[in-house]
């Protein structure tokens, strides 16, 4: 299985998908989140990060580019590259140091870092669908395929 699609009626459904992913993710893993502004990328990230055990707010890293979380030996890095002007800026922040064997990297707007980011294991695309959202989840690696099989 390499692709799943879900309809999301509301914010709670989006959070629930993130929590469902949290029950099955294992580092190392890289997730790309794409979609229009307001489509639910940060909401999905919040569900995933809180589903992994983070207590408290999950801030959008729009201005900081990355927000780190450390939970039970897993390093979680939530990136939002929307405001990135040049992919080379990622070199200055040491982007390669974030992607390790202990890290789960969630990358919003990955196209802004094209050429400097590692390939994704999972690509999640959120889009508007009537009064809700639709999420397409695509596995792009063996780790991604295992995750998709676990959540179907």
Protein backbone atom coordinates (compact mmCIF):
# COMPACT_ATOMS: atom_id res chain seq x y z
CA UNK A 1 0.00 0.00 0.00
CA UNK A 2 1.42 3.35 -0.98
CA UNK A 3 -1.48 5.82 -0.62
CA UNK A 4 -4.48 6.55 1.61
CA UNK A 5 -7.07 9.32 1.45
CA UNK A 6 -9.30 10.53 4.29
CA UNK A 7 -12.01 13.17 4.46
CA UNK A 8 -11.67 15.46 7.48
CA UNK A 9 -14.90 17.11 8.60
CA UNK A 10 -13.27 19.48 11.06
CA UNK A 11 -10.24 20.34 13.19
CA UNK A 12 -10.90 17.40 15.53
CA UNK A 13 -10.67 14.96 12.60
CA UNK A 14 -7.36 16.52 11.55
CA UNK A 15 -5.96 16.17 15.07
CA UNK A 16 -7.21 12.58 15.19
CA UNK A 17 -5.23 11.68 12.05
CA UNK A 18 -2.11 13.16 13.67
CA UNK A 19 -2.77 11.12 16.82
CA UNK A 20 -3.31 7.99 14.74
CA UNK A 21 0.05 8.55 13.05
CA UNK A 22 1.66 9.07 16.48
CA UNK A 23 0.67 5.57 17.57
CA UNK A 24 2.76 4.07 14.77
CA UNK A 25 5.66 6.41 13.89
CA UNK A 26 9.21 5.35 14.62
CA UNK A 27 12.37 7.36 14.21
CA UNK A 28 14.05 7.98 11.91
CA UNK A 29 11.22 9.36 9.83
CA UNK A 30 10.70 12.44 7.65
CA UNK A 31 7.21 13.71 6.91
CA UNK A 32 6.44 16.37 4.33
CA UNK A 33 3.21 18.34 4.80
CA UNK A 34 1.88 20.30 1.85
CA UNK A 35 -1.28 22.24 1.13
CA UNK A 36 -2.62 25.75 0.88
CA UNK A 37 -2.49 28.23 3.74
CA UNK A 38 -5.04 27.24 6.37
CA UNK A 39 -5.46 23.69 5.04
CA UNK A 40 -4.51 22.14 8.40
CA UNK A 41 -0.79 21.36 8.28
CA UNK A 42 -0.02 22.82 11.70
CA UNK A 43 -3.18 21.32 13.19
CA UNK A 44 -2.12 17.89 11.94
CA UNK A 45 1.38 18.48 13.35
CA UNK A 46 -0.15 19.41 16.72
CA UNK A 47 -2.14 16.16 16.79
CA UNK A 48 0.98 14.17 15.95
CA UNK A 49 3.29 15.89 18.45
CA UNK A 50 0.75 15.81 21.28
CA UNK A 51 -0.08 12.21 20.35
CA UNK A 52 3.59 11.39 20.96
CA UNK A 53 3.28 12.71 24.50
CA UNK A 54 4.02 16.44 24.38
CA UNK A 55 1.96 18.28 26.96
CA UNK A 56 1.28 21.88 26.17
CA UNK A 57 1.02 24.08 23.14
CA UNK A 58 2.47 23.20 19.78
CA UNK A 59 3.57 26.48 18.27
CA UNK A 60 3.80 27.08 14.57
CA UNK A 61 7.49 27.60 13.77
CA UNK A 62 6.66 30.09 11.02
CA UNK A 63 9.11 32.69 12.34
CA UNK A 64 11.69 30.44 14.00
CA UNK A 65 11.74 27.90 11.10
CA UNK A 66 12.03 24.99 13.55
CA UNK A 67 10.52 24.06 16.90
CA UNK A 68 12.23 21.15 18.72
CA UNK A 69 10.59 18.65 21.10
CA UNK A 70 12.29 15.80 22.95
CA UNK A 71 10.06 12.96 24.05
CA UNK A 72 11.15 9.55 25.32
CA UNK A 73 14.47 9.56 23.46
CA UNK A 74 12.95 10.75 20.18
CA UNK A 75 13.94 14.13 18.85
CA UNK A 76 11.02 15.77 17.08
CA UNK A 77 11.68 18.72 14.82
CA UNK A 78 8.73 20.65 13.43
CA UNK A 79 9.79 22.84 10.52
CA UNK A 80 7.73 25.52 8.79
CA UNK A 81 9.61 26.82 5.76
CA UNK A 82 6.87 29.14 4.50
CA UNK A 83 8.89 32.32 5.15
CA UNK A 84 12.15 30.91 3.79
CA UNK A 85 13.46 33.18 1.04
CA UNK A 86 16.32 31.00 -0.19
CA UNK A 87 16.98 27.29 0.47
CA UNK A 88 20.59 28.19 1.23
CA UNK A 89 19.34 29.72 4.51
CA UNK A 90 18.89 26.12 5.67
CA UNK A 91 22.64 25.58 5.35
CA UNK A 92 23.27 28.44 7.77
CA UNK A 93 21.01 26.84 10.38
CA UNK A 94 22.74 23.44 10.04
CA UNK A 95 19.74 21.67 8.52
CA UNK A 96 21.55 18.35 8.07
CA UNK A 97 22.15 18.09 11.83
CA UNK A 98 18.41 17.73 12.49
CA UNK A 99 17.93 14.60 10.39
CA UNK A 100 19.44 11.80 12.51
CA UNK A 101 18.63 8.19 13.40
CA UNK A 102 16.75 9.47 16.50
CA UNK A 103 14.71 12.17 14.80
CA UNK A 104 11.19 12.56 13.56
CA UNK A 105 11.15 15.55 11.23
CA UNK A 106 7.86 17.18 10.24
CA UNK A 107 8.37 19.65 7.41
CA UNK A 108 5.68 22.12 6.34
CA UNK A 109 6.26 23.79 2.95
CA UNK A 110 9.12 21.40 1.98
CA UNK A 111 9.25 22.80 -1.56
CA UNK A 112 10.88 25.93 -0.08
CA UNK A 113 13.88 23.77 0.94
CA UNK A 114 14.12 21.76 -2.24
CA UNK A 115 17.57 20.37 -2.87
CA UNK A 116 18.69 20.62 0.77
CA UNK A 117 16.15 18.43 2.54
CA UNK A 118 16.37 14.65 2.66
CA UNK A 119 13.66 12.73 0.85
CA UNK A 120 10.40 12.21 2.70
CA UNK A 121 9.25 8.85 3.99
CA UNK A 122 5.65 10.09 4.03
CA UNK A 123 4.05 12.94 2.09
CA UNK A 124 0.81 14.28 3.56
CA UNK A 125 -1.13 16.66 1.33
CA UNK A 126 -4.08 18.56 2.77
CA UNK A 127 -6.62 20.26 0.54
CA UNK A 128 -9.98 21.94 0.88
CA UNK A 129 -12.91 19.65 0.11
CA UNK A 130 -16.41 21.12 0.34
CA UNK A 131 -16.83 22.28 3.95
CA UNK A 132 -13.95 20.17 5.26
CA UNK A 133 -10.55 18.95 4.17
CA UNK A 134 -9.11 15.95 2.42
CA UNK A 135 -5.78 14.40 3.30
CA UNK A 136 -3.80 12.23 0.94
CA UNK A 137 -1.05 10.24 2.62
CA UNK A 138 1.59 8.80 0.33
CA UNK A 139 4.37 6.41 1.35
CA UNK A 140 7.69 7.17 -0.32
CA UNK A 141 10.00 4.68 1.43
CA UNK A 142 9.87 1.28 3.13
CA UNK A 143 9.40 3.02 6.51
CA UNK A 144 6.58 5.01 4.98
CA UNK A 145 4.92 1.88 3.61
CA UNK A 146 5.03 0.21 7.04
CA UNK A 147 3.47 3.28 8.64
CA UNK A 148 0.72 3.44 6.02
CA UNK A 149 -0.08 -0.25 6.45
CA UNK A 150 -0.35 0.27 10.23
CA UNK A 151 -2.79 3.18 10.02
CA UNK A 152 -5.10 2.00 7.23
